[in-house]
């Protein structure tokens, strides 16, 4: 039960990151209430990646790396939970 909740939270955060990244393509979307809310929950996670991965031209690839890292973390957590509970 706890394992399923944790894995679901990872999925919800993954989709929040995707939506937050897509909002950057829309003018003034990040200034809306929803955009500000997503910024509060997504920027603390994205900031370390932006510090270490410089943009390539005008394209910031750090969110892609952050999403990949989140997926690896979820897979690692899943494997750990499987070993603990089963």
N, C-alpha and C. Protein backbone atom coordinates (compact mmCIF):
# COMPACT_ATOMS: atom_id res chain seq x y z
N UNK A 1 0.83 -1.20 0.00
CA UNK A 1 0.00 0.00 0.00
C UNK A 1 0.86 1.26 0.00
N UNK A 2 1.81 1.34 0.93
CA UNK A 2 2.70 2.51 1.00
C UNK A 2 3.55 2.60 -0.26
N UNK A 3 4.00 1.44 -0.73
CA UNK A 3 4.82 1.41 -1.94
C UNK A 3 4.04 1.97 -3.13
N UNK A 4 2.80 1.58 -3.26
CA UNK A 4 1.98 2.06 -4.37
C UNK A 4 1.75 3.56 -4.29
N UNK A 5 1.55 4.08 -3.09
CA UNK A 5 1.36 5.52 -2.91
C UNK A 5 2.63 6.27 -3.31
N UNK A 6 3.79 5.79 -2.89
CA UNK A 6 5.05 6.44 -3.25
C UNK A 6 5.28 6.43 -4.75
N UNK A 7 5.02 5.31 -5.38
CA UNK A 7 5.20 5.22 -6.83
C UNK A 7 4.22 6.12 -7.57
N UNK A 8 3.01 6.23 -7.06
CA UNK A 8 2.03 7.13 -7.65
C UNK A 8 2.45 8.58 -7.50
N UNK A 9 3.02 8.94 -6.36
CA UNK A 9 3.52 10.30 -6.16
C UNK A 9 4.64 10.64 -7.14
N UNK A 10 5.49 9.67 -7.43
CA UNK A 10 6.53 9.87 -8.44
C UNK A 10 5.90 10.17 -9.80
N UNK A 11 4.85 9.42 -10.14
CA UNK A 11 4.18 9.63 -11.42
C UNK A 11 3.51 11.01 -11.48
N UNK A 12 2.87 11.41 -10.41
CA UNK A 12 2.23 12.72 -10.37
C UNK A 12 3.26 13.83 -10.53
N UNK A 13 4.39 13.70 -9.86
CA UNK A 13 5.45 14.71 -9.98
C UNK A 13 6.03 14.72 -11.39
N UNK A 14 6.16 13.56 -12.00
CA UNK A 14 6.63 13.46 -13.38
C UNK A 14 5.72 14.26 -14.31
N UNK A 15 4.42 14.07 -14.17
CA UNK A 15 3.49 14.79 -15.03
C UNK A 15 3.46 16.28 -14.71
N UNK A 16 3.65 16.65 -13.46
CA UNK A 16 3.74 18.06 -13.10
C UNK A 16 4.95 18.70 -13.79
N UNK A 17 6.06 18.00 -13.82
CA UNK A 17 7.25 18.51 -14.51
C UNK A 17 6.99 18.69 -16.00
N UNK A 18 6.35 17.72 -16.61
CA UNK A 18 6.04 17.80 -18.04
C UNK A 18 5.16 19.02 -18.33
N UNK A 19 4.12 19.20 -17.54
CA UNK A 19 3.21 20.33 -17.74
C UNK A 19 3.96 21.65 -17.52
N UNK A 20 4.80 21.71 -16.49
CA UNK A 20 5.56 22.92 -16.21
C UNK A 20 6.50 23.26 -17.37
N UNK A 21 7.13 22.26 -17.93
CA UNK A 21 8.02 22.49 -19.07
C UNK A 21 7.22 22.97 -20.29
N UNK A 22 6.08 22.36 -20.53
CA UNK A 22 5.25 22.78 -21.66
C UNK A 22 4.71 24.19 -21.49
N UNK A 23 4.50 24.61 -20.24
CA UNK A 23 4.02 25.98 -20.00
C UNK A 23 5.02 27.03 -20.48
N UNK A 24 6.29 26.66 -20.56
CA UNK A 24 7.29 27.63 -21.01
C UNK A 24 7.10 27.98 -22.48
N UNK A 25 6.39 27.15 -23.22
CA UNK A 25 6.15 27.43 -24.63
C UNK A 25 5.00 28.40 -24.84
N UNK A 26 4.18 28.60 -23.82
CA UNK A 26 3.02 29.49 -23.94
C UNK A 26 3.31 30.83 -23.28
N UNK A 27 3.05 31.92 -23.97
CA UNK A 27 3.34 33.23 -23.37
C UNK A 27 2.49 33.48 -22.12
N UNK A 28 3.14 33.93 -21.08
CA UNK A 28 2.51 34.30 -19.80
C UNK A 28 1.82 33.15 -19.07
N UNK A 29 2.01 31.92 -19.50
CA UNK A 29 1.36 30.79 -18.84
C UNK A 29 1.96 30.53 -17.46
N UNK A 30 3.26 30.77 -17.33
CA UNK A 30 3.90 30.55 -16.02
C UNK A 30 3.54 31.64 -15.02
N UNK A 31 2.95 32.72 -15.48
CA UNK A 31 2.55 33.80 -14.57
C UNK A 31 1.14 33.60 -14.04
N UNK A 32 0.44 32.58 -14.53
CA UNK A 32 -0.91 32.30 -14.03
C UNK A 32 -0.79 31.64 -12.65
N UNK A 33 -1.90 31.52 -11.98
CA UNK A 33 -1.90 30.88 -10.66
C UNK A 33 -1.40 29.45 -10.72
N UNK A 34 -1.85 28.73 -11.73
CA UNK A 34 -1.42 27.35 -11.91
C UNK A 34 0.07 27.27 -12.22
N UNK A 35 0.55 28.19 -13.05
CA UNK A 35 1.97 28.23 -13.39
C UNK A 35 2.84 28.53 -12.19
N UNK A 36 2.39 29.44 -11.35
CA UNK A 36 3.14 29.79 -10.14
C UNK A 36 3.16 28.61 -9.17
N UNK A 37 2.03 27.91 -9.06
CA UNK A 37 1.97 26.72 -8.20
C UNK A 37 2.95 25.66 -8.68
N UNK A 38 2.95 25.39 -9.99
CA UNK A 38 3.88 24.41 -10.53
C UNK A 38 5.33 24.85 -10.36
N UNK A 39 5.59 26.14 -10.48
CA UNK A 39 6.95 26.65 -10.28
C UNK A 39 7.43 26.38 -8.86
N UNK A 40 6.53 26.55 -7.90
CA UNK A 40 6.91 26.30 -6.50
C UNK A 40 7.27 24.84 -6.23
N UNK A 41 6.64 23.93 -6.93
CA UNK A 41 6.95 22.52 -6.66
C UNK A 41 8.00 21.95 -7.62
N UNK A 42 8.18 22.55 -8.79
CA UNK A 42 9.12 22.00 -9.78
C UNK A 42 10.49 22.67 -9.77
N UNK A 43 10.54 23.97 -9.53
CA UNK A 43 11.82 24.68 -9.60
C UNK A 43 12.86 24.19 -8.59
N UNK A 44 12.49 23.86 -7.35
CA UNK A 44 13.52 23.34 -6.43
C UNK A 44 14.19 22.06 -6.95
N UNK A 45 13.46 21.25 -7.67
CA UNK A 45 14.05 20.04 -8.24
C UNK A 45 14.88 20.35 -9.49
N UNK A 46 14.41 21.28 -10.32
CA UNK A 46 15.10 21.59 -11.57
C UNK A 46 16.34 22.44 -11.38
N UNK A 47 16.38 23.23 -10.32
CA UNK A 47 17.49 24.17 -10.12
C UNK A 47 18.87 23.52 -10.10
N UNK A 48 19.09 22.42 -9.37
CA UNK A 48 20.43 21.81 -9.40
C UNK A 48 20.85 21.35 -10.79
N UNK A 49 19.92 20.86 -11.57
CA UNK A 49 20.24 20.43 -12.93
C UNK A 49 20.62 21.62 -13.80
N UNK A 50 19.94 22.74 -13.61
CA UNK A 50 20.25 23.94 -14.40
C UNK A 50 21.61 24.51 -14.03
N UNK A 51 22.04 24.31 -12.79
CA UNK A 51 23.37 24.80 -12.37
C UNK A 51 24.49 24.06 -13.08
N UNK A 52 24.30 22.75 -13.30
CA UNK A 52 25.38 21.93 -13.84
C UNK A 52 25.30 21.68 -15.34
N UNK A 53 24.12 21.89 -15.93
CA UNK A 53 23.97 21.63 -17.36
C UNK A 53 23.65 22.95 -18.05
N UNK A 54 24.63 23.49 -18.78
CA UNK A 54 24.38 24.77 -19.46
C UNK A 54 23.44 24.59 -20.66
N UNK A 55 22.70 25.64 -21.00
CA UNK A 55 21.84 25.55 -22.19
C UNK A 55 22.69 25.40 -23.46
N UNK A 56 22.13 24.72 -24.42
CA UNK A 56 22.77 24.59 -25.72
C UNK A 56 22.08 25.59 -26.64
N UNK A 57 22.75 26.69 -26.88
CA UNK A 57 22.12 27.77 -27.65
C UNK A 57 20.97 28.35 -26.84
N UNK A 58 19.79 28.30 -27.39
CA UNK A 58 18.60 28.80 -26.70
C UNK A 58 17.79 27.67 -26.05
N UNK A 59 18.32 26.45 -26.12
CA UNK A 59 17.57 25.29 -25.63
C UNK A 59 18.15 24.81 -24.31
N UNK A 60 17.29 24.72 -23.32
CA UNK A 60 17.67 24.23 -21.99
C UNK A 60 17.33 22.74 -21.92
N UNK A 61 18.37 21.89 -21.89
CA UNK A 61 18.13 20.45 -21.86
C UNK A 61 18.11 19.90 -20.44
N UNK A 62 18.34 20.75 -19.44
CA UNK A 62 18.37 20.26 -18.06
C UNK A 62 17.04 19.63 -17.62
N UNK A 63 15.86 20.11 -18.06
CA UNK A 63 14.64 19.41 -17.66
C UNK A 63 14.56 17.98 -18.18
N UNK A 64 15.14 17.73 -19.35
CA UNK A 64 15.13 16.37 -19.89
C UNK A 64 15.97 15.46 -18.99
N UNK A 65 17.14 15.96 -18.59
CA UNK A 65 18.00 15.19 -17.70
C UNK A 65 17.31 14.98 -16.35
N UNK A 66 16.62 16.01 -15.86
CA UNK A 66 15.91 15.91 -14.59
C UNK A 66 14.80 14.86 -14.65
N UNK A 67 14.10 14.80 -15.77
CA UNK A 67 13.04 13.80 -15.93
C UNK A 67 13.63 12.40 -15.99
N UNK A 68 14.73 12.24 -16.71
CA UNK A 68 15.39 10.93 -16.78
C UNK A 68 15.87 10.51 -15.39
N UNK A 69 16.43 11.45 -14.64
CA UNK A 69 16.89 11.14 -13.28
C UNK A 69 15.71 10.74 -12.39
N UNK A 70 14.58 11.41 -12.54
CA UNK A 70 13.39 11.07 -11.76
C UNK A 70 12.90 9.66 -12.10
N UNK A 71 12.95 9.29 -13.37
CA UNK A 71 12.52 7.96 -13.76
C UNK A 71 13.47 6.89 -13.21
N UNK A 72 14.78 7.18 -13.23
CA UNK A 72 15.74 6.24 -12.64
C UNK A 72 15.52 6.12 -11.14
N UNK A 73 15.22 7.23 -10.47
CA UNK A 73 14.96 7.20 -9.03
C UNK A 73 13.71 6.36 -8.73
N UNK A 74 12.69 6.51 -9.56
CA UNK A 74 11.47 5.72 -9.36
C UNK A 74 11.77 4.23 -9.56
N UNK A 75 12.54 3.90 -10.58
CA UNK A 75 12.88 2.50 -10.82
C UNK A 75 13.70 1.93 -9.67
N UNK A 76 14.63 2.72 -9.15
CA UNK A 76 15.42 2.28 -8.01
C UNK A 76 14.57 2.09 -6.77
N UNK A 77 13.65 3.01 -6.53
CA UNK A 77 12.74 2.88 -5.39
C UNK A 77 11.86 1.65 -5.55
N UNK A 78 11.39 1.42 -6.75
CA UNK A 78 10.55 0.25 -7.01
C UNK A 78 11.31 -1.03 -6.70
N UNK A 79 12.54 -1.13 -7.19
CA UNK A 79 13.35 -2.33 -6.92
C UNK A 79 13.63 -2.50 -5.43
N UNK A 80 13.89 -1.40 -4.76
CA UNK A 80 14.14 -1.45 -3.31
C UNK A 80 12.89 -1.92 -2.56
N UNK A 81 11.75 -1.37 -2.93
CA UNK A 81 10.50 -1.76 -2.26
C UNK A 81 10.15 -3.21 -2.52
N UNK A 82 10.42 -3.67 -3.73
CA UNK A 82 10.17 -5.09 -4.06
C UNK A 82 11.02 -5.98 -3.15
N UNK A 83 12.27 -5.62 -2.97
CA UNK A 83 13.16 -6.43 -2.13
C UNK A 83 12.76 -6.39 -0.66
N UNK A 84 12.26 -5.24 -0.21
CA UNK A 84 11.89 -5.11 1.20
C UNK A 84 10.59 -5.86 1.51
N UNK A 85 9.57 -5.67 0.66
CA UNK A 85 8.25 -6.18 0.98
C UNK A 85 7.96 -7.57 0.42
N UNK A 86 8.74 -8.06 -0.52
CA UNK A 86 8.41 -9.38 -1.11
C UNK A 86 9.51 -10.34 -0.93
